[in-house]
């Protein structure tokens, strides 16, 4: 039985009640499964050129445009150090977490199902996991993912 106060989102598939849950352990496992690795802090810093939008006002609400109505950008040099690489990796993972593609949705589902498997002493084989994914469908998996995040 799922406990909503612990972040467990219940669902039923093929007559069996299960739940998905994203705890710290599951988020770390999903990061590793999707290939998001901690950047090497010993890697040398690099300088990178980036285009930054130019704003017409101090509140940074209205972007400046040229006479043809196109947005104006200026090129700046930025130092990319270990902190910046870590920030970029986490930003990319957050974007994937909040709007996963179909493959990432299935990965999150399988990782989020592991607490239920541990609690019930069940270990799904690859075929059983694929069967669950096909029985639920990608739309339902995506909905469960969003419910587990909220």
C-alpha atoms as a PDB file:
ATOM      1  CA  UNK A   1       0.000   0.000   0.000  1.00  0.00           C
ATOM      2  CA  UNK A   2       1.398   3.391  -1.012  1.00  0.00           C
ATOM      3  CA  UNK A   3       1.934   6.102   1.592  1.00  0.00           C
ATOM      4  CA  UNK A   4       1.324   9.531  -0.028  1.00  0.00           C
ATOM      5  CA  UNK A   5       2.934  11.364   2.901  1.00  0.00           C
ATOM      6  CA  UNK A   6       6.241   9.681   1.961  1.00  0.00           C
ATOM      7  CA  UNK A   7       5.926  10.729  -1.687  1.00  0.00           C
ATOM      8  CA  UNK A   8       4.743   7.333  -2.916  1.00  0.00           C
ATOM      9  CA  UNK A   9       2.424   7.557  -5.932  1.00  0.00           C
ATOM     10  CA  UNK A  10       0.208   4.494  -6.250  1.00  0.00           C
ATOM     11  CA  UNK A  11      -0.919   2.893  -9.503  1.00  0.00           C
ATOM     12  CA  UNK A  12      -2.376  -0.432 -10.541  1.00  0.00           C
ATOM     13  CA  UNK A  13      -1.192  -2.485 -13.466  1.00  0.00           C
ATOM     14  CA  UNK A  14      -2.471  -5.949 -14.393  1.00  0.00           C
ATOM     15  CA  UNK A  15      -4.344  -6.194 -11.092  1.00  0.00           C
ATOM     16  CA  UNK A  16      -1.326  -5.461  -8.931  1.00  0.00           C
ATOM     17  CA  UNK A  17      -0.956  -2.289  -6.871  1.00  0.00           C
ATOM     18  CA  UNK A  18       2.490  -0.689  -7.025  1.00  0.00           C
ATOM     19  CA  UNK A  19       3.998   2.727  -6.394  1.00  0.00           C
ATOM     20  CA  UNK A  20       6.787   4.968  -7.605  1.00  0.00           C
ATOM     21  CA  UNK A  21       8.825   7.157  -5.284  1.00  0.00           C
ATOM     22  CA  UNK A  22      11.707   9.569  -5.861  1.00  0.00           C
ATOM     23  CA  UNK A  23      13.903   9.854  -2.789  1.00  0.00           C
ATOM     24  CA  UNK A  24      17.489  11.064  -2.674  1.00  0.00           C
ATOM     25  CA  UNK A  25      18.734   7.575  -3.510  1.00  0.00           C
ATOM     26  CA  UNK A  26      16.468   7.270  -6.564  1.00  0.00           C
ATOM     27  CA  UNK A  27      17.405  10.728  -7.866  1.00  0.00           C
ATOM     28  CA  UNK A  28      21.116   9.825  -7.604  1.00  0.00           C
ATOM     29  CA  UNK A  29      20.491   6.484  -9.352  1.00  0.00           C
ATOM     30  CA  UNK A  30      18.558   8.236 -12.140  1.00  0.00           C
ATOM     31  CA  UNK A  31      21.378  10.759 -12.578  1.00  0.00           C
ATOM     32  CA  UNK A  32      23.884   7.951 -13.016  1.00  0.00           C
ATOM     33  CA  UNK A  33      21.576   5.893 -15.264  1.00  0.00           C
ATOM     34  CA  UNK A  34      21.019   8.865 -17.580  1.00  0.00           C
ATOM     35  CA  UNK A  35      24.745   9.641 -17.812  1.00  0.00           C
ATOM     36  CA  UNK A  36      24.891  12.785 -15.683  1.00  0.00           C
ATOM     37  CA  UNK A  37      28.259  12.509 -13.974  1.00  0.00           C
ATOM     38  CA  UNK A  38      29.945  14.875 -11.540  1.00  0.00           C
ATOM     39  CA  UNK A  39      32.475  16.925 -13.522  1.00  0.00           C
ATOM     40  CA  UNK A  40      36.147  16.403 -12.723  1.00  0.00           C
ATOM     41  CA  UNK A  41      37.194  19.202 -10.334  1.00  0.00           C
ATOM     42  CA  UNK A  42      40.830  18.792 -11.439  1.00  0.00           C
ATOM     43  CA  UNK A  43      40.003  19.648 -15.040  1.00  0.00           C
ATOM     44  CA  UNK A  44      41.591  22.998 -16.024  1.00  0.00           C
ATOM     45  CA  UNK A  45      39.458  26.116 -16.266  1.00  0.00           C
ATOM     46  CA  UNK A  46      38.601  27.319 -19.759  1.00  0.00           C
ATOM     47  CA  UNK A  47      37.454  30.634 -21.194  1.00  0.00           C
ATOM     48  CA  UNK A  48      34.332  30.534 -23.320  1.00  0.00           C
ATOM     49  CA  UNK A  49      32.647  33.152 -25.510  1.00  0.00           C
ATOM     50  CA  UNK A  50      28.898  33.449 -24.925  1.00  0.00           C
ATOM     51  CA  UNK A  51      26.230  35.675 -26.435  1.00  0.00           C
ATOM     52  CA  UNK A  52      24.311  37.653 -23.802  1.00  0.00           C
ATOM     53  CA  UNK A  53      21.082  39.523 -24.452  1.00  0.00           C
ATOM     54  CA  UNK A  54      21.201  43.326 -24.191  1.00  0.00           C
ATOM     55  CA  UNK A  55      18.293  44.868 -22.299  1.00  0.00           C
ATOM     56  CA  UNK A  56      16.815  48.329 -22.862  1.00  0.00           C
ATOM     57  CA  UNK A  57      15.789  48.855 -19.227  1.00  0.00           C
ATOM     58  CA  UNK A  58      17.329  48.319 -15.806  1.00  0.00           C
ATOM     59  CA  UNK A  59      14.656  45.775 -14.776  1.00  0.00           C
ATOM     60  CA  UNK A  60      15.813  43.484 -17.604  1.00  0.00           C
ATOM     61  CA  UNK A  61      12.256  43.040 -18.909  1.00  0.00           C
ATOM     62  CA  UNK A  62      12.507  44.490 -22.419  1.00  0.00           C
ATOM     63  CA  UNK A  63      15.248  43.191 -24.653  1.00  0.00           C
ATOM     64  CA  UNK A  64      16.885  45.773 -26.887  1.00  0.00           C
ATOM     65  CA  UNK A  65      16.214  45.380 -30.634  1.00  0.00           C
ATOM     66  CA  UNK A  66      17.891  46.713 -33.758  1.00  0.00           C
ATOM     67  CA  UNK A  67      16.146  48.775 -36.481  1.00  0.00           C
ATOM     68  CA  UNK A  68      14.747  45.593 -38.094  1.00  0.00           C
ATOM     69  CA  UNK A  69      13.204  44.400 -34.815  1.00  0.00           C
ATOM     70  CA  UNK A  70      15.698  41.602 -34.140  1.00  0.00           C
ATOM     71  CA  UNK A  71      17.031  41.103 -30.583  1.00  0.00           C
ATOM     72  CA  UNK A  72      20.490  42.502 -29.844  1.00  0.00           C
ATOM     73  CA  UNK A  73      23.205  40.369 -28.237  1.00  0.00           C
ATOM     74  CA  UNK A  74      26.746  41.096 -27.136  1.00  0.00           C
ATOM     75  CA  UNK A  75      29.591  38.622 -26.884  1.00  0.00           C
ATOM     76  CA  UNK A  76      31.245  38.156 -23.490  1.00  0.00           C
ATOM     77  CA  UNK A  77      34.060  35.945 -22.284  1.00  0.00           C
ATOM     78  CA  UNK A  78      33.238  33.729 -19.333  1.00  0.00           C
ATOM     79  CA  UNK A  79      35.489  31.607 -17.149  1.00  0.00           C
ATOM     80  CA  UNK A  80      34.210  28.038 -16.932  1.00  0.00           C
ATOM     81  CA  UNK A  81      35.588  26.532 -13.732  1.00  0.00           C
ATOM     82  CA  UNK A  82      34.624  23.458 -11.690  1.00  0.00           C
ATOM     83  CA  UNK A  83      31.684  25.257 -10.041  1.00  0.00           C
ATOM     84  CA  UNK A  84      30.304  26.373 -13.398  1.00  0.00           C
ATOM     85  CA  UNK A  85      30.655  22.868 -14.889  1.00  0.00           C
ATOM     86  CA  UNK A  86      28.824  21.431 -11.856  1.00  0.00           C
ATOM     87  CA  UNK A  87      26.089  24.086 -12.161  1.00  0.00           C
ATOM     88  CA  UNK A  88      25.636  23.303 -15.866  1.00  0.00           C
ATOM     89  CA  UNK A  89      25.427  19.557 -15.211  1.00  0.00           C
ATOM     90  CA  UNK A  90      22.784  20.066 -12.504  1.00  0.00           C
ATOM     91  CA  UNK A  91      20.827  22.485 -14.703  1.00  0.00           C
ATOM     92  CA  UNK A  92      20.816  19.939 -17.529  1.00  0.00           C
ATOM     93  CA  UNK A  93      19.670  17.171 -15.156  1.00  0.00           C
ATOM     94  CA  UNK A  94      16.912  19.412 -13.734  1.00  0.00           C
ATOM     95  CA  UNK A  95      15.702  20.125 -17.268  1.00  0.00           C
ATOM     96  CA  UNK A  96      15.649  16.384 -17.988  1.00  0.00           C
ATOM     97  CA  UNK A  97      13.900  15.680 -14.679  1.00  0.00           C
ATOM     98  CA  UNK A  98      11.143  18.234 -15.296  1.00  0.00           C
ATOM     99  CA  UNK A  99      10.613  17.478 -18.990  1.00  0.00           C
ATOM    100  CA  UNK A 100      11.954  13.994 -19.779  1.00  0.00           C
ATOM    101  CA  UNK A 101      11.984  12.492 -23.234  1.00  0.00           C
ATOM    102  CA  UNK A 102      10.321   9.045 -23.604  1.00  0.00           C
ATOM    103  CA  UNK A 103      13.542   7.131 -22.916  1.00  0.00           C
ATOM    104  CA  UNK A 104      14.301   9.197 -19.801  1.00  0.00           C
ATOM    105  CA  UNK A 105      10.687   8.777 -18.623  1.00  0.00           C
ATOM    106  CA  UNK A 106      11.078   5.007 -18.716  1.00  0.00           C
ATOM    107  CA  UNK A 107      14.408   5.266 -16.869  1.00  0.00           C
ATOM    108  CA  UNK A 108      12.851   7.448 -14.156  1.00  0.00           C
ATOM    109  CA  UNK A 109       9.905   5.024 -13.877  1.00  0.00           C
ATOM    110  CA  UNK A 110      12.139   1.990 -13.466  1.00  0.00           C
ATOM    111  CA  UNK A 111      14.300   3.744 -10.868  1.00  0.00           C
ATOM    112  CA  UNK A 112      11.230   5.100  -9.041  1.00  0.00           C
ATOM    113  CA  UNK A 113       9.751   1.604  -8.888  1.00  0.00           C
ATOM    114  CA  UNK A 114      12.747   0.215  -6.973  1.00  0.00           C
ATOM    115  CA  UNK A 115      11.513   1.270  -3.487  1.00  0.00           C
ATOM    116  CA  UNK A 116       8.346  -0.767  -4.113  1.00  0.00           C
ATOM    117  CA  UNK A 117      10.467  -3.697  -5.307  1.00  0.00           C
ATOM    118  CA  UNK A 118      12.663  -3.541  -2.197  1.00  0.00           C
ATOM    119  CA  UNK A 119       9.651  -3.278   0.118  1.00  0.00           C
ATOM    120  CA  UNK A 120       7.933  -6.266  -1.481  1.00  0.00           C
ATOM    121  CA  UNK A 121      10.975  -8.430  -2.160  1.00  0.00           C
ATOM    122  CA  UNK A 122      10.391  -8.368  -5.912  1.00  0.00           C
ATOM    123  CA  UNK A 123      13.074  -8.099  -8.577  1.00  0.00           C
ATOM    124  CA  UNK A 124      11.786  -7.469 -12.090  1.00  0.00           C
ATOM    125  CA  UNK A 125      13.630  -9.057 -14.981  1.00  0.00           C
ATOM    126  CA  UNK A 126      14.256  -7.016 -18.108  1.00  0.00           C
ATOM    127  CA  UNK A 127      11.296  -8.695 -19.825  1.00  0.00           C
ATOM    128  CA  UNK A 128       8.971  -8.039 -16.860  1.00  0.00           C
ATOM    129  CA  UNK A 129      10.046  -4.395 -16.738  1.00  0.00           C
ATOM    130  CA  UNK A 130       9.382  -3.983 -20.471  1.00  0.00           C
ATOM    131  CA  UNK A 131       6.003  -5.656 -19.983  1.00  0.00           C
ATOM    132  CA  UNK A 132       5.129  -3.128 -17.261  1.00  0.00           C
ATOM    133  CA  UNK A 133       6.160  -0.235 -19.492  1.00  0.00           C
ATOM    134  CA  UNK A 134       4.044  -1.532 -22.369  1.00  0.00           C
ATOM    135  CA  UNK A 135       1.059  -2.191 -20.105  1.00  0.00           C
ATOM    136  CA  UNK A 136       1.141   1.342 -18.699  1.00  0.00           C
ATOM    137  CA  UNK A 137       2.100   3.262 -21.829  1.00  0.00           C
ATOM    138  CA  UNK A 138       4.338   6.314 -22.052  1.00  0.00           C
ATOM    139  CA  UNK A 139       1.590   8.834 -21.273  1.00  0.00           C
ATOM    140  CA  UNK A 140       0.684   7.120 -18.007  1.00  0.00           C
ATOM    141  CA  UNK A 141       4.371   6.782 -17.079  1.00  0.00           C
ATOM    142  CA  UNK A 142       4.887  10.498 -17.717  1.00  0.00           C
ATOM    143  CA  UNK A 143       1.836  11.318 -15.574  1.00  0.00           C
ATOM    144  CA  UNK A 144       3.147   9.131 -12.729  1.00  0.00           C
ATOM    145  CA  UNK A 145       6.522  10.861 -13.061  1.00  0.00           C
ATOM    146  CA  UNK A 146       4.963  14.308 -12.693  1.00  0.00           C
ATOM    147  CA  UNK A 147       2.819  13.186  -9.745  1.00  0.00           C
ATOM    148  CA  UNK A 148       5.897  11.758  -7.994  1.00  0.00           C
ATOM    149  CA  UNK A 149       7.745  15.058  -8.457  1.00  0.00           C
ATOM    150  CA  UNK A 150       4.967  17.170  -6.983  1.00  0.00           C
END
